[in-house]
């Protein structure tokens, strides 16, 4: 009966209750959708970084990480490593790369770049760079014509290059001699990260190996894509244990900034929602205090006829929780449906595309929240409702029944 009485009590003053419920509704609606946008941005950035830049796992000679010198290759264990990667069920695909720094020069300018000597067919299965080349921007490396190169849109703009232009790459070979060659641009890719586009170029492994005076079967890097990202730690540990002389890193270790964002996002979202709920909690306290003041005589009568303090406390607590949950349910439902809708349509911020791409984010955002967030948020709402009821309930319990009954 206490549960029913508490529900009816909150509607005795409909206007006041509706004001509190609407405040909670709009607060939770704004908080949920803002959290979905933030979560979606981070999840999208992680997905794009893994599929286009880092892959799930990278394997190197430990000395290569220190100075990016081409002489530090994965040579002695290369064949054994390839067989191991082929035998792991969770490894969807892998690709070996010749990777080193060089100078890129056009007729107009020059800049430093990172050269990736790749096997085009295997690289397609690991990264999405091939799909980032639009129909009018050429094609990916075809494996037939020599000295082809794929460059990023930002690099093409910086060096004033276009499709079929020539670019001269200058670098040191494995013997320390300065060498280089002219490459013709066959494709221009564009990702959501303009810094990556400006720095990285792709050529065929056979073309660059001959210039470096190295065996095409040698390479500095292996990138691994997994069929189940949840098995990342398991696969990394298996490769580390099997090849202790090699450095096996996951995407969080390769790009610590993105890794930190992934770890802190969940904590930040809950802190953000806790602040909103805390502010709304003070509104609930104020409403319940006014309710206690108006119902002083009634509460005194209830105490006088034998209702114990535990039941009075429970009734007031339930009224507070009902107010919180009613507003929260509506707010979370509105936030969920807006999140669901925009997760398909996206939020187009193309007017700010240049700024977003400078920090590696796509100008089209897809909000996202998982079920765990809503379950946790519901628990937080109930806790806030309970906490907000403690002070008003204590005030009610301190009432003297005899004096309260005489109150007009």
Protein backbone atom coordinates (compact mmCIF):
# COMPACT_ATOMS: atom_id res chain seq x y z
CA UNK A 1 0.00 0.00 0.00
CA UNK A 2 2.92 2.38 0.76
CA UNK A 3 4.03 2.07 -2.88
CA UNK A 4 0.59 3.05 -4.19
CA UNK A 5 0.18 5.90 -1.68
CA UNK A 6 3.62 7.31 -2.59
CA UNK A 7 2.73 7.28 -6.31
CA UNK A 8 -0.57 9.09 -5.65
CA UNK A 9 1.11 11.62 -3.38
CA UNK A 10 3.40 12.97 -6.11
CA UNK A 11 0.32 13.91 -8.19
CA UNK A 12 -1.41 15.82 -5.43
CA UNK A 13 0.33 18.93 -6.70
CA UNK A 14 0.49 18.19 -10.42
CA UNK A 15 2.14 21.44 -11.51
CA UNK A 16 5.04 21.19 -9.09
CA UNK A 17 5.60 17.51 -9.84
CA UNK A 18 5.46 18.10 -13.60
CA UNK A 19 8.02 20.91 -13.33
CA UNK A 20 10.45 18.58 -11.52
CA UNK A 21 9.78 15.72 -13.94
CA UNK A 22 10.31 17.97 -16.96
CA UNK A 23 13.56 19.29 -15.47
CA UNK A 24 14.79 15.72 -15.01
CA UNK A 25 13.52 14.74 -18.48
CA UNK A 26 15.36 17.52 -20.32
CA UNK A 27 18.46 17.12 -18.15
CA UNK A 28 18.68 13.37 -18.86
CA UNK A 29 17.74 13.82 -22.52
CA UNK A 30 20.54 16.34 -23.05
CA UNK A 31 22.98 14.28 -21.03
CA UNK A 32 22.22 11.02 -22.82
CA UNK A 33 22.45 12.49 -26.30
CA UNK A 34 25.61 14.46 -25.49
CA UNK A 35 27.15 11.27 -24.11
CA UNK A 36 26.11 9.38 -27.25
CA UNK A 37 27.80 11.99 -29.46
CA UNK A 38 31.02 11.86 -27.43
CA UNK A 39 31.01 8.07 -27.28
CA UNK A 40 30.25 7.84 -31.00
CA UNK A 41 33.12 10.19 -31.88
CA UNK A 42 35.62 8.16 -29.89
CA UNK A 43 34.37 4.78 -31.16
CA UNK A 44 34.45 6.07 -34.75
CA UNK A 45 37.96 7.45 -34.32
CA UNK A 46 39.17 4.13 -32.90
CA UNK A 47 37.53 2.16 -35.71
CA UNK A 48 39.03 4.39 -38.40
CA UNK A 49 42.47 4.41 -36.79
CA UNK A 50 42.55 0.61 -36.54
CA UNK A 51 41.19 -0.03 -40.04
CA UNK A 52 43.25 2.62 -41.83
CA UNK A 53 46.32 3.49 -39.79
CA UNK A 54 47.52 1.03 -37.17
CA UNK A 55 45.65 -2.30 -37.61
CA UNK A 56 44.99 -4.30 -34.43
CA UNK A 57 48.58 -5.47 -33.95
CA UNK A 58 51.98 -4.46 -35.32
CA UNK A 59 55.17 -6.51 -35.10
CA UNK A 60 58.71 -5.07 -35.39
CA UNK A 61 62.32 -5.65 -34.64
CA UNK A 62 62.65 -3.78 -31.27
CA UNK A 63 65.63 -1.79 -32.58
CA UNK A 64 63.55 -0.47 -35.49
CA UNK A 65 61.22 1.42 -33.13
CA UNK A 66 64.15 3.43 -31.74
CA UNK A 67 65.31 5.08 -34.98
CA UNK A 68 63.30 3.70 -37.96
CA UNK A 69 66.48 2.44 -39.62
CA UNK A 70 65.83 0.16 -42.63
CA UNK A 71 68.55 -2.28 -41.58
CA UNK A 72 66.48 -3.50 -38.60
CA UNK A 73 64.27 -6.01 -40.37
CA UNK A 74 62.29 -9.07 -39.34
CA UNK A 75 64.48 -11.52 -41.20
CA UNK A 76 65.55 -14.57 -39.19
CA UNK A 77 62.05 -15.28 -37.86
CA UNK A 78 60.08 -14.04 -40.88
CA UNK A 79 59.03 -17.43 -42.28
CA UNK A 80 58.24 -18.87 -38.87
CA UNK A 81 56.22 -15.75 -38.00
CA UNK A 82 54.18 -15.98 -41.20
CA UNK A 83 53.35 -19.62 -40.50
CA UNK A 84 52.31 -18.74 -36.96
CA UNK A 85 50.01 -15.94 -38.15
CA UNK A 86 48.39 -18.27 -40.66
CA UNK A 87 47.73 -20.83 -37.92
CA UNK A 88 45.94 -18.49 -35.44
CA UNK A 89 42.14 -18.71 -35.99
CA UNK A 90 41.44 -15.15 -34.77
CA UNK A 91 43.89 -13.60 -37.26
CA UNK A 92 41.73 -12.50 -40.19
CA UNK A 93 44.61 -11.23 -42.33
CA UNK A 94 48.13 -9.87 -42.13
CA UNK A 95 50.51 -7.95 -44.36
CA UNK A 96 54.26 -7.33 -44.27
CA UNK A 97 55.68 -3.90 -45.04
CA UNK A 98 58.96 -2.24 -45.86
CA UNK A 99 58.71 0.98 -43.89
CA UNK A 100 61.11 3.92 -43.60
CA UNK A 101 61.38 7.70 -43.70
CA UNK A 102 62.30 9.58 -46.88
CA UNK A 103 62.12 12.96 -48.59
CA UNK A 104 59.43 13.56 -51.19
CA UNK A 105 59.96 16.30 -53.76
CA UNK A 106 57.83 17.71 -56.54
CA UNK A 107 58.58 20.52 -58.93
CA UNK A 108 57.09 22.93 -56.38
CA UNK A 109 58.05 21.78 -52.89
CA UNK A 110 59.43 19.00 -50.72
CA UNK A 111 58.63 17.37 -47.39
CA UNK A 112 59.36 14.33 -45.25
CA UNK A 113 57.17 11.26 -45.67
CA UNK A 114 56.85 7.71 -44.39
CA UNK A 115 57.14 5.18 -47.22
CA UNK A 116 55.24 1.89 -47.02
CA UNK A 117 56.44 -0.79 -49.40
CA UNK A 118 53.51 -3.19 -49.55
CA UNK A 119 52.01 -6.19 -51.25
CA UNK A 120 48.81 -4.56 -52.63
CA UNK A 121 46.71 -7.72 -52.51
CA UNK A 122 47.53 -8.50 -48.88
CA UNK A 123 47.32 -4.87 -47.81
CA UNK A 124 43.74 -4.60 -49.09
CA UNK A 125 42.72 -7.26 -46.57
CA UNK A 126 44.25 -5.40 -43.61
CA UNK A 127 43.64 -1.69 -44.22
CA UNK A 128 40.96 0.35 -45.98
CA UNK A 129 43.30 2.73 -47.82
CA UNK A 130 42.30 1.20 -51.17
CA UNK A 131 38.67 2.14 -50.49
CA UNK A 132 39.63 5.73 -49.63
CA UNK A 133 40.47 6.51 -53.28
CA UNK A 134 37.47 8.09 -55.00
CA UNK A 135 36.48 7.23 -58.58
CA UNK A 136 38.04 10.40 -59.98
CA UNK A 137 41.20 10.07 -57.86
CA UNK A 138 42.82 7.16 -59.67
CA UNK A 139 43.32 3.57 -58.55
CA UNK A 140 45.19 1.56 -55.96
CA UNK A 141 48.52 -0.10 -56.76
CA UNK A 142 47.81 -2.75 -59.40
CA UNK A 143 51.01 -4.79 -59.04
CA UNK A 144 51.75 -4.61 -62.78
CA UNK A 145 53.23 -1.21 -63.60
CA UNK A 146 56.52 -0.26 -61.95
CA UNK A 147 57.19 2.74 -59.72
CA UNK A 148 53.58 3.56 -58.96
CA UNK A 149 52.74 5.47 -55.80
CA UNK A 150 49.58 6.26 -53.83
CA UNK A 151 49.66 9.53 -51.87
CA UNK A 152 47.29 11.29 -49.48
CA UNK A 153 45.13 14.21 -50.52
CA UNK A 154 46.81 16.52 -47.98
CA UNK A 155 50.27 15.67 -49.36
CA UNK A 156 49.08 16.21 -52.93
CA UNK A 157 47.82 19.66 -52.00
CA UNK A 158 51.02 20.53 -50.13
CA UNK A 159 53.29 19.50 -53.01
CA UNK A 160 50.81 20.71 -55.66
CA UNK A 161 50.47 17.26 -57.19
CA UNK A 162 47.69 15.68 -59.20
CA UNK A 163 46.94 12.32 -60.73
CA UNK A 164 49.76 11.05 -63.02
CA UNK A 165 52.21 13.62 -61.62
CA UNK A 166 55.74 12.53 -60.81
CA UNK A 167 57.18 12.65 -57.31
CA UNK A 168 60.84 12.02 -56.46
CA UNK A 169 61.62 10.00 -53.32
CA UNK A 170 65.10 10.35 -51.81
CA UNK A 171 66.42 8.12 -49.00
CA UNK A 172 69.33 6.01 -47.76
CA UNK A 173 69.65 2.35 -48.75
CA UNK A 174 70.71 -0.43 -46.38
CA UNK A 175 74.37 0.34 -47.03
CA UNK A 176 73.94 3.99 -46.05
CA UNK A 177 74.19 5.38 -49.59
CA UNK A 178 71.85 8.14 -50.73
CA UNK A 179 69.51 6.91 -53.43
CA UNK A 180 66.07 7.60 -54.84
CA UNK A 181 63.77 7.38 -57.83
CA UNK A 182 60.84 9.06 -59.52
CA UNK A 183 57.39 7.57 -58.95
CA UNK A 184 54.18 8.32 -60.82
CA UNK A 185 51.01 8.95 -58.83
CA UNK A 186 48.37 6.35 -59.67
CA UNK A 187 45.95 7.20 -56.86
CA UNK A 188 45.19 9.86 -54.26
CA UNK A 189 43.47 8.68 -51.08
CA UNK A 190 41.69 10.74 -48.44
CA UNK A 191 40.91 9.63 -44.88
CA UNK A 192 39.42 11.62 -42.01
CA UNK A 193 42.94 12.28 -40.67
CA UNK A 194 44.70 14.93 -42.74
CA UNK A 195 47.93 14.54 -40.70
CA UNK A 196 48.09 10.87 -41.70
CA UNK A 197 47.30 11.74 -45.33
CA UNK A 198 50.12 14.28 -45.45
CA UNK A 199 52.73 11.94 -44.03
CA UNK A 200 52.18 8.47 -45.56
CA UNK A 201 52.68 7.16 -49.09
CA UNK A 202 52.34 3.63 -50.47
CA UNK A 203 54.46 1.93 -53.11
CA UNK A 204 54.94 -1.68 -54.21
CA UNK A 205 57.35 -3.68 -52.09
CA UNK A 206 59.32 -5.02 -55.06
CA UNK A 207 59.94 -1.52 -56.45
CA UNK A 208 61.29 -0.08 -53.22
CA UNK A 209 63.26 -3.20 -52.18
CA UNK A 210 65.47 -3.00 -55.25
CA UNK A 211 66.30 0.63 -54.47
CA UNK A 212 67.12 -0.22 -50.85
CA UNK A 213 69.34 -3.12 -51.97
CA UNK A 214 67.39 -5.53 -49.81
CA UNK A 215 65.59 -8.83 -50.28
CA UNK A 216 61.84 -8.30 -50.94
CA UNK A 217 61.23 -11.15 -48.48
CA UNK A 218 62.66 -8.96 -45.71
CA UNK A 219 60.56 -6.26 -44.07
CA UNK A 220 60.44 -3.94 -41.10
CA UNK A 221 56.79 -4.30 -40.10
CA UNK A 222 53.93 -6.78 -40.00
CA UNK A 223 50.37 -5.51 -39.47
CA UNK A 224 47.68 -7.89 -38.26
CA UNK A 225 43.91 -7.60 -38.50
CA UNK A 226 41.73 -9.73 -36.22
CA UNK A 227 38.33 -11.24 -36.93
CA UNK A 228 37.35 -10.76 -33.28
CA UNK A 229 38.82 -7.61 -31.64
CA UNK A 230 37.88 -8.98 -28.21
CA UNK A 231 40.62 -11.58 -28.65
CA UNK A 232 43.30 -8.90 -29.04
CA UNK A 233 45.00 -9.57 -25.71
CA UNK A 234 44.99 -13.34 -26.29
CA UNK A 235 46.53 -13.09 -29.77
CA UNK A 236 49.11 -10.53 -28.66
CA UNK A 237 50.18 -12.71 -25.75
CA UNK A 238 50.44 -15.77 -28.02
CA UNK A 239 52.66 -13.89 -30.49
CA UNK A 240 54.78 -12.38 -27.72
CA UNK A 241 55.35 -15.77 -26.11
CA UNK A 242 56.16 -17.37 -29.47
CA UNK A 243 58.55 -14.61 -30.59
CA UNK A 244 60.10 -12.98 -27.50
CA UNK A 245 62.82 -11.36 -29.62
CA UNK A 246 60.23 -9.32 -31.56
CA UNK A 247 58.17 -6.37 -30.37
CA UNK A 248 54.44 -7.11 -30.55
CA UNK A 249 52.21 -4.08 -29.86
CA UNK A 250 48.46 -3.54 -29.97
CA UNK A 251 46.77 -0.42 -31.31
CA UNK A 252 46.58 1.19 -27.87
CA UNK A 253 50.35 0.90 -27.47
CA UNK A 254 50.99 2.10 -31.01
CA UNK A 255 48.83 5.21 -30.58
CA UNK A 256 48.71 5.96 -26.82
CA UNK A 257 46.51 9.02 -27.33
CA UNK A 258 43.68 6.97 -28.85
CA UNK A 259 44.23 4.27 -26.24
CA UNK A 260 43.90 6.82 -23.44
CA UNK A 261 40.74 8.22 -25.01
CA UNK A 262 39.21 4.75 -25.18
CA UNK A 263 39.98 4.05 -21.52
CA UNK A 264 38.84 7.43 -20.21
CA UNK A 265 35.69 7.90 -22.28
CA UNK A 266 33.50 5.59 -20.18
CA UNK A 267 34.72 7.16 -16.93
CA UNK A 268 34.19 10.66 -18.29
CA UNK A 269 30.64 9.90 -19.48
CA UNK A 270 29.60 8.60 -16.07
CA UNK A 271 31.19 11.61 -14.36
CA UNK A 272 29.33 13.89 -16.78
CA UNK A 273 26.00 12.21 -16.03
CA UNK A 274 26.73 12.20 -12.28
CA UNK A 275 27.18 15.98 -12.35
CA UNK A 276 23.85 16.41 -14.18
CA UNK A 277 22.07 14.10 -11.74
CA UNK A 278 23.65 15.84 -8.76
CA UNK A 279 22.31 19.19 -9.96
CA UNK A 280 18.86 17.68 -10.53
CA UNK A 281 19.05 16.07 -7.08
CA UNK A 282 19.03 19.49 -5.42
CA UNK A 283 15.81 20.29 -7.27
CA UNK A 284 14.27 17.10 -5.93
CA UNK A 285 15.39 17.95 -2.38
CA UNK A 286 13.80 21.38 -2.64
CA UNK A 287 10.54 19.90 -3.93
CA UNK A 288 10.39 17.27 -1.19
CA UNK A 289 11.12 19.84 1.53
CA UNK A 290 8.18 21.94 0.30
CA UNK A 291 6.04 18.81 0.28
CA UNK A 292 6.98 18.03 3.90
CA UNK A 293 6.20 21.62 4.93
CA UNK A 294 2.75 21.50 3.30
CA UNK A 295 1.93 18.09 4.76
CA UNK A 296 3.12 18.70 8.32
CA UNK A 297 -0.37 18.12 9.79
CA UNK A 298 -0.92 15.04 7.63
CA UNK A 299 2.41 13.47 8.63
CA UNK A 300 1.65 14.23 12.28
CA UNK A 301 -1.71 12.47 11.97
CA UNK A 302 -0.08 9.42 10.38
CA UNK A 303 2.45 9.25 13.21
CA UNK A 304 -0.28 9.77 15.80
CA UNK A 305 -2.41 6.88 14.55
CA UNK A 306 0.54 4.51 14.67
CA UNK A 307 2.47 4.64 11.39
CA UNK A 308 6.04 3.92 12.38
CA UNK A 309 9.00 6.01 11.31
CA UNK A 310 10.29 3.35 8.95
CA UNK A 311 7.10 3.49 6.88
CA UNK A 312 7.07 7.31 6.83
CA UNK A 313 10.69 7.32 5.69
CA UNK A 314 9.92 4.70 3.01
CA UNK A 315 6.92 6.67 1.73
CA UNK A 316 8.93 9.88 1.31
CA UNK A 317 11.84 8.01 -0.25
CA UNK A 318 9.51 6.33 -2.76
CA UNK A 319 8.00 9.69 -3.72
CA UNK A 320 11.49 11.01 -4.45
CA UNK A 321 12.45 7.89 -6.43
CA UNK A 322 9.19 8.00 -8.41
CA UNK A 323 9.84 11.61 -9.39
CA UNK A 324 13.39 10.74 -10.45
CA UNK A 325 12.49 7.60 -12.38
CA UNK A 326 9.50 9.12 -14.17
CA UNK A 327 11.53 12.02 -15.53
CA UNK A 328 14.56 9.82 -16.19
CA UNK A 329 12.55 7.20 -18.09
CA UNK A 330 11.11 9.83 -20.44
CA UNK A 331 14.47 11.59 -20.84
CA UNK A 332 16.39 8.37 -21.52
CA UNK A 333 13.74 7.18 -23.98
CA UNK A 334 13.93 10.46 -25.93
CA UNK A 335 17.74 10.32 -25.85
CA UNK A 336 17.76 6.70 -26.98
CA UNK A 337 15.45 7.24 -29.96
CA UNK A 338 17.34 10.36 -31.09
CA UNK A 339 20.62 8.44 -30.75
CA UNK A 340 19.16 5.52 -32.71
CA UNK A 341 17.95 7.83 -35.48
CA UNK A 342 21.20 9.80 -35.81
CA UNK A 343 23.29 6.61 -35.64
CA UNK A 344 21.87 5.79 -39.08
CA UNK A 345 21.63 9.28 -40.59
CA UNK A 346 24.75 10.75 -38.96
CA UNK A 347 25.29 14.34 -37.85
CA UNK A 348 26.83 16.24 -40.72
CA UNK A 349 29.35 18.88 -39.61
CA UNK A 350 31.02 19.24 -43.00
CA UNK A 351 31.27 23.01 -42.52
CA UNK A 352 33.93 22.25 -39.91
CA UNK A 353 35.54 19.37 -41.86
CA UNK A 354 38.99 20.95 -42.08
CA UNK A 355 39.22 21.43 -38.31
CA UNK A 356 37.98 17.94 -37.53
CA UNK A 357 40.37 16.30 -40.02
CA UNK A 358 43.32 18.13 -38.46
CA UNK A 359 42.72 16.20 -35.26
CA UNK A 360 41.81 12.95 -37.00
CA UNK A 361 38.01 13.00 -36.72
CA UNK A 362 35.39 12.55 -39.40
CA UNK A 363 33.05 15.55 -39.89
CA UNK A 364 30.09 13.15 -39.97
CA UNK A 365 29.38 11.81 -36.48
CA UNK A 366 27.40 8.70 -35.60
CA UNK A 367 26.24 8.79 -31.96
CA UNK A 368 26.43 5.51 -30.10
CA UNK A 369 25.64 4.13 -26.64
CA UNK A 370 25.48 0.55 -25.45
CA UNK A 371 22.92 -1.08 -23.16
CA UNK A 372 25.35 -1.07 -20.22
CA UNK A 373 25.29 2.74 -20.16
CA UNK A 374 21.49 2.85 -19.79
CA UNK A 375 21.48 0.18 -17.08
CA UNK A 376 24.18 2.01 -15.12
CA UNK A 377 22.40 5.34 -15.61
CA UNK A 378 19.13 3.87 -14.27
CA UNK A 379 20.94 2.68 -11.15
CA UNK A 380 22.50 6.14 -10.75
CA UNK A 381 19.04 7.77 -11.02
CA UNK A 382 17.64 5.50 -8.31
CA UNK A 383 20.61 6.27 -6.07
CA UNK A 384 20.15 10.02 -6.58
CA UNK A 385 16.44 9.66 -5.79
CA UNK A 386 17.24 7.83 -2.56
CA UNK A 387 19.95 10.30 -1.55
CA UNK A 388 17.71 13.27 -2.34
CA UNK A 389 15.03 11.86 -0.03
CA UNK A 390 17.22 11.41 3.04
CA UNK A 391 17.27 15.01 4.26
CA UNK A 392 13.52 15.70 3.70
CA UNK A 393 12.65 12.35 5.31
CA UNK A 394 14.78 13.13 8.35
CA UNK A 395 12.96 16.47 8.69
CA UNK A 396 9.66 14.61 8.60
CA UNK A 397 10.78 12.11 11.22
CA UNK A 398 11.74 14.92 13.61
CA UNK A 399 8.18 16.24 13.66
CA UNK A 400 6.42 16.01 16.99
CA UNK A 401 3.04 14.33 16.30
CA UNK A 402 1.20 16.40 18.89
CA UNK A 403 2.51 19.72 17.60
CA UNK A 404 2.14 18.67 13.97
CA UNK A 405 -1.54 17.80 14.45
CA UNK A 406 -2.21 21.25 15.91
CA UNK A 407 -0.51 22.94 12.90
CA UNK A 408 -2.99 24.83 10.73
